[in-house]
Amino acid sequence: RWDHAVERVRQLIGERSVDGEFLIVDTSGQAPPTTPGNRPEALDVLARLTVSLGGDPRFPTIPKSDAELYFISDGVMVDDIPDEAILASVFEPADNVGITAFTVNAIPSGPIRYQAFLEVTNTSFEPKEVSVRLVGSGGVGQRDDVMLQPGESRVRSIDLSSFDRGVIRASVISNGDAFVADDYAYGFLPVQSPTRVSLVTPGSVYLENALAADEGLLLTVLPPREYDSGVPADVYVFDRFAPAEPPPGPSLLFMPPDTDWLSGTIQVLNTPDVSGWDIQHPLLQFVSLNDLRVDRAVRIALPDMSNELMQSSEIFS
């Protein structure tokens, strides 16, 4: 539309007398009112103008004159247009159906399950039959045909369980669409695989139930005598047990016995007075501390580069 507007101004200047005078102004203030100039000067001012994004377009204040006043508009609303202005519009209504929102998000109730949120809008003056398509990197796709009334937006949530990891492309197709750029949108689907957790415990109903309730975890429970460092796992959880050697992956230990690769126990305290928590630490994310009571804590010799999760006048652990 900008190019059409500039070309229309050139056409108007070219149709006037060679000896005529011209004054080029704009609604964004790039070319403030001055004195009229000849044709080359006017074309030079026109060449320096650019598309203005944002702001509040205003019709400029210009000197009173008997000369012809043309207002070249690309459809942007501008107030206070003089009555004597001759409107030359380069804006033409056109049919358009486009994607106005598209995201790929994890489902809160299932952290390894994802869904796409898609919004399609018909800005045409006529109803449109729209073909909505979703295609993944593995060739898996979905298609749906919808009828949208003028000005109507339709929102859809699409389950992505059957899609592979990678780029997800959404597209819309409709007859007579005049703007192709908003017919496509892209998102990315992360890995949809559970985290393998190996729980080594002599028996803990609380730990087993808590871990088993998380859909994002694939839980394996072993007694200490069956622990083997070769068991494949992304995370190891040790309950009242510690292997002789460090495990091959990240680990979380509850009340472990003393072993060479762990800091030794200095003291066991009952109902310690907690004075503060490191609430920014990843281990405490999504943990409610308002109703948490510490019945027993172990004071250990902190190694270098350790982080204190809980502070107390009695203990640092």
C-alpha atoms as a PDB file:
ATOM      1  CA  ARG A   1       0.000   0.000   0.000  1.00  0.00           C
ATOM      2  CA  TRP A   2       2.889   2.361   0.736  1.00  0.00           C
ATOM      3  CA  ASP A   3       4.369   1.787  -2.690  1.00  0.00           C
ATOM      4  CA  HIS A   4       0.986   2.454  -4.289  1.00  0.00           C
ATOM      5  CA  ALA A   5       0.653   5.696  -2.314  1.00  0.00           C
ATOM      6  CA  VAL A   6       4.107   6.928  -3.359  1.00  0.00           C
ATOM      7  CA  GLU A   7       3.415   6.055  -6.981  1.00  0.00           C
ATOM      8  CA  ARG A   8       0.099   7.944  -6.844  1.00  0.00           C
ATOM      9  CA  VAL A   9       1.891  11.085  -5.604  1.00  0.00           C
ATOM     10  CA  ARG A  10       4.442  10.817  -8.414  1.00  0.00           C
ATOM     11  CA  GLN A  11       1.583  10.485 -10.882  1.00  0.00           C
ATOM     12  CA  LEU A  12      -0.155  13.609  -9.555  1.00  0.00           C
ATOM     13  CA  ILE A  13       3.067  15.627  -9.701  1.00  0.00           C
ATOM     14  CA  GLY A  14       3.758  14.422 -13.221  1.00  0.00           C
ATOM     15  CA  GLU A  15       0.293  15.482 -14.390  1.00  0.00           C
ATOM     16  CA  ARG A  16       0.810  19.068 -13.253  1.00  0.00           C
ATOM     17  CA  SER A  17       2.624  21.913 -14.975  1.00  0.00           C
ATOM     18  CA  VAL A  18       6.408  21.767 -15.182  1.00  0.00           C
ATOM     19  CA  ASP A  19       6.526  25.255 -13.656  1.00  0.00           C
ATOM     20  CA  GLY A  20       4.135  24.350 -10.859  1.00  0.00           C
ATOM     21  CA  GLU A  21       4.995  24.426  -7.164  1.00  0.00           C
ATOM     22  CA  PHE A  22       4.437  21.527  -4.814  1.00  0.00           C
ATOM     23  CA  LEU A  23       4.420  20.991  -1.045  1.00  0.00           C
ATOM     24  CA  ILE A  24       4.844  17.421   0.249  1.00  0.00           C
ATOM     25  CA  VAL A  25       3.801  16.770   3.874  1.00  0.00           C
ATOM     26  CA  ASP A  26       2.890  13.588   5.755  1.00  0.00           C
ATOM     27  CA  THR A  27       0.893  12.497   8.810  1.00  0.00           C
ATOM     28  CA  SER A  28       3.903  11.169  10.766  1.00  0.00           C
ATOM     29  CA  GLY A  29       5.912  14.413  10.775  1.00  0.00           C
ATOM     30  CA  GLN A  30       8.794  13.240   8.572  1.00  0.00           C
ATOM     31  CA  ALA A  31       8.160  16.115   6.139  1.00  0.00           C
ATOM     32  CA  PRO A  32       6.961  19.120   8.165  1.00  0.00           C
ATOM     33  CA  PRO A  33       5.300  22.013   6.286  1.00  0.00           C
ATOM     34  CA  THR A  34       7.775  24.418   4.683  1.00  0.00           C
ATOM     35  CA  THR A  35       7.470  26.529   1.544  1.00  0.00           C
ATOM     36  CA  PRO A  36       6.401  25.024  -1.778  1.00  0.00           C
ATOM     37  CA  GLY A  37       9.168  23.972  -4.165  1.00  0.00           C
ATOM     38  CA  ASN A  38       9.555  22.903  -7.757  1.00  0.00           C
ATOM     39  CA  ARG A  39       8.965  19.408  -9.119  1.00  0.00           C
ATOM     40  CA  PRO A  40      12.504  17.996  -8.473  1.00  0.00           C
ATOM     41  CA  GLU A  41      12.456  19.318  -4.898  1.00  0.00           C
ATOM     42  CA  ALA A  42       9.062  17.755  -4.254  1.00  0.00           C
ATOM     43  CA  LEU A  43      10.172  14.406  -5.660  1.00  0.00           C
ATOM     44  CA  ASP A  44      13.293  14.551  -3.486  1.00  0.00           C
ATOM     45  CA  VAL A  45      11.170  15.045  -0.349  1.00  0.00           C
ATOM     46  CA  LEU A  46       8.934  12.168  -1.437  1.00  0.00           C
ATOM     47  CA  ALA A  47      11.931   9.858  -1.922  1.00  0.00           C
ATOM     48  CA  ARG A  48      13.083  10.457   1.677  1.00  0.00           C
ATOM     49  CA  LEU A  49       9.779   9.415   3.251  1.00  0.00           C
ATOM     50  CA  THR A  50       9.524   5.940   4.787  1.00  0.00           C
ATOM     51  CA  VAL A  51       6.796   3.784   6.296  1.00  0.00           C
ATOM     52  CA  SER A  52       5.982   4.977   9.822  1.00  0.00           C
ATOM     53  CA  LEU A  53       5.199   2.256  12.365  1.00  0.00           C
ATOM     54  CA  GLY A  54       3.169   3.162  15.425  1.00  0.00           C
ATOM     55  CA  GLY A  55       2.593   6.670  16.680  1.00  0.00           C
ATOM     56  CA  ASP A  56      -0.524   8.790  16.279  1.00  0.00           C
ATOM     57  CA  PRO A  57      -0.976   9.904  12.653  1.00  0.00           C
ATOM     58  CA  ARG A  58      -2.226  13.484  12.363  1.00  0.00           C
ATOM     59  CA  PHE A  59      -3.117  15.640   9.420  1.00  0.00           C
ATOM     60  CA  PRO A  60      -0.401  18.332   9.302  1.00  0.00           C
ATOM     61  CA  THR A  61      -1.125  22.014   9.728  1.00  0.00           C
ATOM     62  CA  ILE A  62      -0.498  23.684   6.369  1.00  0.00           C
ATOM     63  CA  PRO A  63      -0.707  27.315   5.241  1.00  0.00           C
ATOM     64  CA  LYS A  64      -3.989  28.533   3.796  1.00  0.00           C
ATOM     65  CA  SER A  65      -3.924  28.447  -0.004  1.00  0.00           C
ATOM     66  CA  ASP A  66      -6.154  28.308  -3.069  1.00  0.00           C
ATOM     67  CA  ALA A  67      -4.029  25.468  -4.463  1.00  0.00           C
ATOM     68  CA  GLU A  68      -5.366  21.958  -4.888  1.00  0.00           C
ATOM     69  CA  LEU A  69      -4.986  19.829  -1.758  1.00  0.00           C
ATOM     70  CA  TYR A  70      -4.701  16.066  -2.209  1.00  0.00           C
ATOM     71  CA  PHE A  71      -4.745  13.565   0.635  1.00  0.00           C
ATOM     72  CA  ILE A  72      -3.258  10.203  -0.385  1.00  0.00           C
ATOM     73  CA  SER A  73      -4.510   7.542   2.055  1.00  0.00           C
ATOM     74  CA  ASP A  74      -3.618   3.871   2.422  1.00  0.00           C
ATOM     75  CA  GLY A  75      -6.538   3.228   4.740  1.00  0.00           C
ATOM     76  CA  VAL A  76      -5.034   4.448   8.047  1.00  0.00           C
ATOM     77  CA  MET A  77      -7.552   6.445  10.076  1.00  0.00           C
ATOM     78  CA  VAL A  78      -6.612  10.145  10.341  1.00  0.00           C
ATOM     79  CA  ASP A  79      -8.756  12.830  11.980  1.00  0.00           C
ATOM     80  CA  ASP A  80      -9.217  16.518  11.111  1.00  0.00           C
ATOM     81  CA  ILE A  81      -8.956  16.187   7.341  1.00  0.00           C
ATOM     82  CA  PRO A  82      -9.884  19.557   5.763  1.00  0.00           C
ATOM     83  CA  ASP A  83     -13.126  19.627   3.804  1.00  0.00           C
ATOM     84  CA  GLU A  84     -11.359  20.951   0.711  1.00  0.00           C
ATOM     85  CA  ALA A  85      -8.952  17.997   0.592  1.00  0.00           C
ATOM     86  CA  ILE A  86      -9.378  15.678  -2.389  1.00  0.00           C
ATOM     87  CA  LEU A  87      -9.150  12.093  -1.139  1.00  0.00           C
ATOM     88  CA  ALA A  88      -7.131   9.710  -3.307  1.00  0.00           C
ATOM     89  CA  SER A  89      -7.262   6.299  -1.634  1.00  0.00           C
ATOM     90  CA  VAL A  90      -4.859   3.500  -2.537  1.00  0.00           C
ATOM     91  CA  PHE A  91      -6.603   1.144  -0.105  1.00  0.00           C
ATOM     92  CA  GLU A  92      -8.970  -1.496  -1.414  1.00  0.00           C
ATOM     93  CA  PRO A  93     -10.837  -3.979   0.798  1.00  0.00           C
ATOM     94  CA  ALA A  94      -9.677  -7.533   0.144  1.00  0.00           C
ATOM     95  CA  ASP A  95     -10.594 -10.998   1.358  1.00  0.00           C
ATOM     96  CA  ASN A  96      -8.223 -12.413   3.940  1.00  0.00           C
ATOM     97  CA  VAL A  97      -8.180 -15.412   6.245  1.00  0.00           C
ATOM     98  CA  GLY A  98      -5.126 -15.772   8.459  1.00  0.00           C
ATOM     99  CA  ILE A  99      -3.593 -17.389  11.527  1.00  0.00           C
ATOM    100  CA  THR A 100      -3.782 -14.885  14.380  1.00  0.00           C
ATOM    101  CA  ALA A 101      -2.296 -17.084  17.150  1.00  0.00           C
ATOM    102  CA  PHE A 102      -0.259 -20.299  17.258  1.00  0.00           C
ATOM    103  CA  THR A 103       1.676 -21.839  20.160  1.00  0.00           C
ATOM    104  CA  VAL A 104       2.892 -25.292  21.210  1.00  0.00           C
ATOM    105  CA  ASN A 105       2.647 -25.893  24.977  1.00  0.00           C
ATOM    106  CA  ALA A 106       2.895 -28.754  27.452  1.00  0.00           C
ATOM    107  CA  ILE A 107      -0.381 -29.930  28.972  1.00  0.00           C
ATOM    108  CA  PRO A 108      -0.279 -29.024  32.708  1.00  0.00           C
ATOM    109  CA  SER A 109      -1.728 -32.376  33.758  1.00  0.00           C
ATOM    110  CA  GLY A 110       0.816 -34.299  31.666  1.00  0.00           C
ATOM    111  CA  PRO A 111       4.274 -32.707  31.314  1.00  0.00           C
ATOM    112  CA  ILE A 112       5.351 -34.943  28.422  1.00  0.00           C
ATOM    113  CA  ARG A 113       2.137 -34.355  26.495  1.00  0.00           C
ATOM    114  CA  TYR A 114       1.839 -31.334  24.238  1.00  0.00           C
ATOM    115  CA  GLN A 115      -0.941 -29.529  22.456  1.00  0.00           C
ATOM    116  CA  ALA A 116      -1.090 -26.795  19.842  1.00  0.00           C
ATOM    117  CA  PHE A 117      -3.196 -23.689  20.371  1.00  0.00           C
ATOM    118  CA  LEU A 118      -4.395 -22.301  17.031  1.00  0.00           C
ATOM    119  CA  GLU A 119      -6.579 -19.291  16.258  1.00  0.00           C
ATOM    120  CA  VAL A 120      -7.830 -18.554  12.733  1.00  0.00           C
ATOM    121  CA  THR A 121      -9.634 -15.315  11.813  1.00  0.00           C
ATOM    122  CA  ASN A 122     -11.720 -14.356   8.792  1.00  0.00           C
ATOM    123  CA  THR A 123     -11.436 -10.597   8.135  1.00  0.00           C
ATOM    124  CA  SER A 124     -13.348 -10.824   4.853  1.00  0.00           C
ATOM    125  CA  PHE A 125     -16.806  -9.375   4.276  1.00  0.00           C
ATOM    126  CA  GLU A 126     -18.087 -12.783   3.174  1.00  0.00           C
ATOM    127  CA  PRO A 127     -18.205 -16.219   4.858  1.00  0.00           C
ATOM    128  CA  LYS A 128     -15.187 -18.379   4.063  1.00  0.00           C
ATOM    129  CA  GLU A 129     -14.681 -22.139   4.001  1.00  0.00           C
ATOM    130  CA  VAL A 130     -11.199 -22.650   5.396  1.00  0.00           C
ATOM    131  CA  SER A 131      -8.949 -25.702   5.292  1.00  0.00           C
ATOM    132  CA  VAL A 132      -6.795 -25.827   8.435  1.00  0.00           C
ATOM    133  CA  ARG A 133      -3.749 -28.089   8.302  1.00  0.00           C
ATOM    134  CA  LEU A 134      -1.107 -29.109  10.829  1.00  0.00           C
ATOM    135  CA  VAL A 135       2.007 -30.989   9.666  1.00  0.00           C
ATOM    136  CA  GLY A 136       4.894 -32.327  11.765  1.00  0.00           C
ATOM    137  CA  SER A 137       8.489 -33.133  10.885  1.00  0.00           C
ATOM    138  CA  GLY A 138       7.760 -36.860  10.681  1.00  0.00           C
ATOM    139  CA  GLY A 139       5.086 -36.415   8.041  1.00  0.00           C
ATOM    140  CA  VAL A 140       2.232 -36.824  10.526  1.00  0.00           C
ATOM    141  CA  GLY A 141      -0.537 -34.329   9.901  1.00  0.00           C
ATOM    142  CA  GLN A 142      -4.084 -33.305  10.659  1.00  0.00           C
ATOM    143  CA  ARG A 143      -6.634 -31.499   8.511  1.00  0.00           C
ATOM    144  CA  ASP A 144      -9.928 -29.880   9.358  1.00  0.00           C
ATOM    145  CA  ASP A 145     -12.383 -27.810   7.300  1.00  0.00           C
ATOM    146  CA  VAL A 146     -14.282 -25.011   9.030  1.00  0.00           C
ATOM    147  CA  MET A 147     -16.749 -22.333   7.930  1.00  0.00           C
ATOM    148  CA  LEU A 148     -15.945 -18.875   9.295  1.00  0.00           C
ATOM    149  CA  GLN A 149     -18.392 -16.000   9.197  1.00  0.00           C
ATOM    150  CA  PRO A 150     -17.198 -12.426   8.451  1.00  0.00           C
ATOM    151  CA  GLY A 151     -15.070 -11.200  11.350  1.00  0.00           C
ATOM    152  CA  GLU A 152     -15.228 -14.567  13.135  1.00  0.00           C
ATOM    153  CA  SER A 153     -12.262 -16.129  14.946  1.00  0.00           C
ATOM    154  CA  ARG A 154     -12.120 -19.842  15.701  1.00  0.00           C
ATOM    155  CA  VAL A 155      -9.859 -21.302  18.404  1.00  0.00           C
ATOM    156  CA  ARG A 156      -8.723 -24.921  18.437  1.00  0.00           C
ATOM    157  CA  SER A 157      -6.601 -27.031  20.795  1.00  0.00           C
ATOM    158  CA  ILE A 158      -4.924 -29.917  18.960  1.00  0.00           C
ATOM    159  CA  ASP A 159      -3.409 -32.939  20.716  1.00  0.00           C
ATOM    160  CA  LEU A 160       0.141 -33.555  19.457  1.00  0.00           C
ATOM    161  CA  SER A 161       0.628 -37.041  20.926  1.00  0.00           C
ATOM    162  CA  SER A 162       0.941 -38.579  17.450  1.00  0.00           C
ATOM    163  CA  PHE A 163       3.504 -36.015  16.258  1.00  0.00           C
ATOM    164  CA  ASP A 164       7.273 -36.510  16.319  1.00  0.00           C
ATOM    165  CA  ARG A 165       9.779 -34.104  17.829  1.00  0.00           C
ATOM    166  CA  GLY A 166      10.570 -31.155  15.583  1.00  0.00           C
ATOM    167  CA  VAL A 167       8.968 -28.298  13.705  1.00  0.00           C
ATOM    168  CA  ILE A 168       5.169 -28.084  13.559  1.00  0.00           C
ATOM    169  CA  ARG A 169       3.706 -26.081  10.666  1.00  0.00           C
ATOM    170  CA  ALA A 170       0.174 -24.718  10.692  1.00  0.00           C
ATOM    171  CA  SER A 171      -1.421 -23.447   7.482  1.00  0.00           C
ATOM    172  CA  VAL A 172      -4.793 -22.194   6.272  1.00  0.00           C
ATOM    173  CA  ILE A 173      -6.179 -22.259   2.733  1.00  0.00           C
ATOM    174  CA  SER A 174      -9.203 -20.300   1.510  1.00  0.00           C
ATOM    175  CA  ASN A 175     -10.488 -19.076  -1.847  1.00  0.00           C
ATOM    176  CA  GLY A 176      -9.634 -15.523  -2.887  1.00  0.00           C
ATOM    177  CA  ASP A 177      -7.162 -14.915  -0.067  1.00  0.00           C
ATOM    178  CA  ALA A 178      -5.297 -11.662  -0.765  1.00  0.00           C
ATOM    179  CA  PHE A 179      -2.575 -11.877   1.908  1.00  0.00           C
ATOM    180  CA  VAL A 180      -0.417 -14.999   1.967  1.00  0.00           C
ATOM    181  CA  ALA A 181       1.995 -13.977   4.744  1.00  0.00           C
ATOM    182  CA  ASP A 182      -0.447 -14.814   7.567  1.00  0.00           C
ATOM    183  CA  ASP A 183      -1.443 -18.188   6.117  1.00  0.00           C
ATOM    184  CA  TYR A 184       1.484 -19.991   7.807  1.00  0.00           C
ATOM    185  CA  ALA A 185       2.793 -20.271  11.366  1.00  0.00           C
ATOM    186  CA  TYR A 186       5.465 -22.438  12.972  1.00  0.00           C
ATOM    187  CA  GLY A 187       6.133 -23.975  16.371  1.00  0.00           C
ATOM    188  CA  PHE A 188       8.530 -26.538  17.845  1.00  0.00           C
ATOM    189  CA  LEU A 189       7.577 -29.776  19.577  1.00  0.00           C
ATOM    190  CA  PRO A 190      10.172 -30.910  22.182  1.00  0.00           C
ATOM    191  CA  VAL A 191      11.029 -34.509  23.009  1.00  0.00           C
ATOM    192  CA  GLN A 192       7.971 -36.392  24.234  1.00  0.00           C
ATOM    193  CA  SER A 193       9.737 -39.078  26.275  1.00  0.00           C
ATOM    194  CA  PRO A 194       9.542 -39.687  30.037  1.00  0.00           C
ATOM    195  CA  THR A 195      12.458 -39.264  32.441  1.00  0.00           C
ATOM    196  CA  ARG A 196      13.767 -42.644  33.615  1.00  0.00           C
ATOM    197  CA  VAL A 197      14.030 -42.718  37.411  1.00  0.00           C
ATOM    198  CA  SER A 198      15.637 -45.549  39.360  1.00  0.00           C
ATOM    199  CA  LEU A 199      14.468 -45.601  42.997  1.00  0.00           C
ATOM    200  CA  VAL A 200      16.659 -47.688  45.287  1.00  0.00           C
ATOM    201  CA  THR A 201      14.942 -48.183  48.639  1.00  0.00           C
ATOM    202  CA  PRO A 202      14.409 -50.817  51.328  1.00  0.00           C
ATOM    203  CA  GLY A 203      10.756 -49.799  51.106  1.00  0.00           C
ATOM    204  CA  SER A 204       9.013 -46.408  51.083  1.00  0.00           C
ATOM    205  CA  VAL A 205       5.346 -46.157  50.165  1.00  0.00           C
ATOM    206  CA  TYR A 206       5.504 -42.354  50.204  1.00  0.00           C
ATOM    207  CA  LEU A 207       8.410 -42.088  47.764  1.00  0.00           C
ATOM    208  CA  GLU A 208       7.063 -44.745  45.434  1.00  0.00           C
ATOM    209  CA  ASN A 209       3.598 -43.196  45.270  1.00  0.00           C
ATOM    210  CA  ALA A 210       4.920 -39.661  44.829  1.00  0.00           C
ATOM    211  CA  LEU A 211       7.185 -40.630  41.930  1.00  0.00           C
ATOM    212  CA  ALA A 212       4.670 -42.996  40.325  1.00  0.00           C
ATOM    213  CA  ALA A 213       2.035 -40.239  40.275  1.00  0.00           C
ATOM    214  CA  ASP A 214       4.151 -38.095  37.942  1.00  0.00           C
ATOM    215  CA  GLU A 215       3.266 -38.900  34.317  1.00  0.00           C
ATOM    216  CA  GLY A 216       6.600 -37.511  33.183  1.00  0.00           C
ATOM    217  CA  LEU A 217       8.558 -40.224  34.996  1.00  0.00           C
ATOM    218  CA  LEU A 218       9.224 -43.854  34.099  1.00  0.00           C
ATOM    219  CA  LEU A 219       9.866 -45.405  37.506  1.00  0.00           C
ATOM    220  CA  THR A 220      11.911 -48.493  38.356  1.00  0.00           C
ATOM    221  CA  VAL A 221      12.017 -49.592  42.018  1.00  0.00           C
ATOM    222  CA  LEU A 222      14.888 -51.734  43.306  1.00  0.00           C
ATOM    223  CA  PRO A 223      15.950 -52.949  46.758  1.00  0.00           C
ATOM    224  CA  PRO A 224      19.533 -51.979  47.706  1.00  0.00           C
ATOM    225  CA  ARG A 225      20.859 -55.506  47.141  1.00  0.00           C
ATOM    226  CA  GLU A 226      19.770 -55.380  43.481  1.00  0.00           C
ATOM    227  CA  TYR A 227      21.290 -51.989  42.693  1.00  0.00           C
ATOM    228  CA  ASP A 228      23.642 -52.035  39.707  1.00  0.00           C
ATOM    229  CA  SER A 229      25.292 -48.922  38.270  1.00  0.00           C
ATOM    230  CA  GLY A 230      24.674 -50.394  34.833  1.00  0.00           C
ATOM    231  CA  VAL A 231      20.903 -50.026  35.198  1.00  0.00           C
ATOM    232  CA  PRO A 232      19.946 -47.306  32.670  1.00  0.00           C
ATOM    233  CA  ALA A 233      18.418 -44.254  34.332  1.00  0.00           C
ATOM    234  CA  ASP A 234      18.322 -40.502  33.870  1.00  0.00           C
ATOM    235  CA  VAL A 235      18.070 -39.871  37.625  1.00  0.00           C
ATOM    236  CA  TYR A 236      18.889 -42.060  40.636  1.00  0.00           C
ATOM    237  CA  VAL A 237      17.012 -41.730  43.931  1.00  0.00           C
ATOM    238  CA  PHE A 238      18.587 -43.449  46.942  1.00  0.00           C
ATOM    239  CA  ASP A 239      16.528 -43.909  50.099  1.00  0.00           C
ATOM    240  CA  ARG A 240      18.564 -44.730  53.239  1.00  0.00           C
ATOM    241  CA  PHE A 241      21.182 -46.270  50.979  1.00  0.00           C
ATOM    242  CA  ALA A 242      24.316 -45.127  49.185  1.00  0.00           C
ATOM    243  CA  PRO A 243      26.343 -47.203  46.702  1.00  0.00           C
ATOM    244  CA  ALA A 244      30.049 -47.695  47.244  1.00  0.00           C
ATOM    245  CA  GLU A 245      30.817 -45.644  44.113  1.00  0.00           C
ATOM    246  CA  PRO A 246      29.108 -42.509  42.780  1.00  0.00           C
ATOM    247  CA  PRO A 247      26.244 -43.353  40.404  1.00  0.00           C
ATOM    248  CA  PRO A 248      26.728 -42.667  36.672  1.00  0.00           C
ATOM    249  CA  GLY A 249      24.092 -39.909  36.621  1.00  0.00           C
ATOM    250  CA  PRO A 250      22.378 -37.227  38.722  1.00  0.00           C
ATOM    251  CA  SER A 251      21.210 -38.534  42.069  1.00  0.00           C
ATOM    252  CA  LEU A 252      19.042 -37.569  45.030  1.00  0.00           C
ATOM    253  CA  LEU A 253      19.750 -39.188  48.399  1.00  0.00           C
ATOM    254  CA  PHE A 254      17.506 -39.394  51.474  1.00  0.00           C
ATOM    255  CA  MET A 255      19.260 -40.119  54.786  1.00  0.00           C
ATOM    256  CA  PRO A 256      22.204 -41.980  53.225  1.00  0.00           C
ATOM    257  CA  PRO A 257      24.762 -43.794  55.382  1.00  0.00           C
ATOM    258  CA  ASP A 258      28.328 -42.514  55.444  1.00  0.00           C
ATOM    259  CA  THR A 259      30.400 -43.434  52.415  1.00  0.00           C
ATOM    260  CA  ASP A 260      33.679 -42.200  50.958  1.00  0.00           C
ATOM    261  CA  TRP A 261      32.195 -40.128  48.128  1.00  0.00           C
ATOM    262  CA  LEU A 262      29.667 -38.307  50.335  1.00  0.00           C
ATOM    263  CA  SER A 263      30.223 -35.699  53.025  1.00  0.00           C
ATOM    264  CA  GLY A 264      30.251 -37.273  56.454  1.00  0.00           C
ATOM    265  CA  THR A 265      27.540 -36.796  59.065  1.00  0.00           C
ATOM    266  CA  ILE A 266      28.500 -34.447  61.892  1.00  0.00           C
ATOM    267  CA  GLN A 267      25.270 -34.342  63.852  1.00  0.00           C
ATOM    268  CA  VAL A 268      21.607 -35.335  63.651  1.00  0.00           C
ATOM    269  CA  LEU A 269      19.182 -32.670  64.897  1.00  0.00           C
ATOM    270  CA  ASN A 270      15.533 -33.137  65.768  1.00  0.00           C
ATOM    271  CA  THR A 271      12.976 -30.414  64.859  1.00  0.00           C
ATOM    272  CA  PRO A 272      15.581 -27.786  63.894  1.00  0.00           C
ATOM    273  CA  ASP A 273      14.597 -24.123  63.908  1.00  0.00           C
ATOM    274  CA  VAL A 274      14.520 -23.128  60.215  1.00  0.00           C
ATOM    275  CA  SER A 275      15.373 -19.464  59.607  1.00  0.00           C
ATOM    276  CA  GLY A 276      15.344 -19.384  55.801  1.00  0.00           C
ATOM    277  CA  TRP A 277      15.224 -21.230  52.486  1.00  0.00           C
ATOM    278  CA  ASP A 278      16.943 -20.757  49.157  1.00  0.00           C
ATOM    279  CA  ILE A 279      13.639 -20.566  47.287  1.00  0.00           C
ATOM    280  CA  GLN A 280      15.412 -19.852  43.977  1.00  0.00           C
ATOM    281  CA  HIS A 281      17.124 -23.249  43.940  1.00  0.00           C
ATOM    282  CA  PRO A 282      15.748 -25.667  41.294  1.00  0.00           C
ATOM    283  CA  LEU A 283      15.155 -28.367  43.926  1.00  0.00           C
ATOM    284  CA  LEU A 284      12.621 -26.147  45.662  1.00  0.00           C
ATOM    285  CA  GLN A 285      10.634 -25.212  42.580  1.00  0.00           C
ATOM    286  CA  PHE A 286       6.924 -26.005  42.974  1.00  0.00           C
ATOM    287  CA  VAL A 287       7.512 -26.943  46.633  1.00  0.00           C
ATOM    288  CA  SER A 288       5.136 -25.302  49.110  1.00  0.00           C
ATOM    289  CA  LEU A 289       7.091 -24.318  52.204  1.00  0.00           C
ATOM    290  CA  ASN A 290       4.110 -22.888  54.095  1.00  0.00           C
ATOM    291  CA  ASP A 291       2.995 -26.274  55.403  1.00  0.00           C
ATOM    292  CA  LEU A 292       6.398 -28.013  55.432  1.00  0.00           C
ATOM    293  CA  ARG A 293       7.741 -29.215  58.778  1.00  0.00           C
ATOM    294  CA  VAL A 294      11.269 -30.519  59.241  1.00  0.00           C
ATOM    295  CA  ASP A 295      11.260 -33.228  61.897  1.00  0.00           C
ATOM    296  CA  ARG A 296      14.899 -34.221  61.530  1.00  0.00           C
ATOM    297  CA  ALA A 297      17.944 -32.804  59.761  1.00  0.00           C
ATOM    298  CA  VAL A 298      21.507 -33.957  59.304  1.00  0.00           C
ATOM    299  CA  ARG A 299      24.411 -31.593  59.757  1.00  0.00           C
ATOM    300  CA  ILE A 300      27.164 -32.391  57.278  1.00  0.00           C
ATOM    301  CA  ALA A 301      30.551 -31.005  56.310  1.00  0.00           C
ATOM    302  CA  LEU A 302      29.725 -28.934  53.253  1.00  0.00           C
ATOM    303  CA  PRO A 303      32.176 -29.410  50.389  1.00  0.00           C
ATOM    304  CA  ASP A 304      33.372 -26.463  48.314  1.00  0.00           C
ATOM    305  CA  MET A 305      30.932 -24.987  45.762  1.00  0.00           C
ATOM    306  CA  SER A 306      27.934 -26.355  47.680  1.00  0.00           C
ATOM    307  CA  ASN A 307      24.564 -24.610  47.881  1.00  0.00           C
ATOM    308  CA  GLU A 308      22.681 -24.259  51.156  1.00  0.00           C
ATOM    309  CA  LEU A 309      18.983 -24.950  50.689  1.00  0.00           C
ATOM    310  CA  MET A 310      17.983 -24.361  54.313  1.00  0.00           C
ATOM    311  CA  GLN A 311      19.422 -22.037  56.931  1.00  0.00           C
ATOM    312  CA  SER A 312      19.126 -22.513  60.669  1.00  0.00           C
ATOM    313  CA  SER A 313      20.774 -21.272  63.822  1.00  0.00           C
ATOM    314  CA  GLU A 314      21.574 -24.915  64.477  1.00  0.00           C
ATOM    315  CA  ILE A 315      22.309 -26.408  61.077  1.00  0.00           C
ATOM    316  CA  PHE A 316      23.399 -25.672  57.532  1.00  0.00           C
ATOM    317  CA  SER A 317      22.522 -28.444  55.112  1.00  0.00           C
END
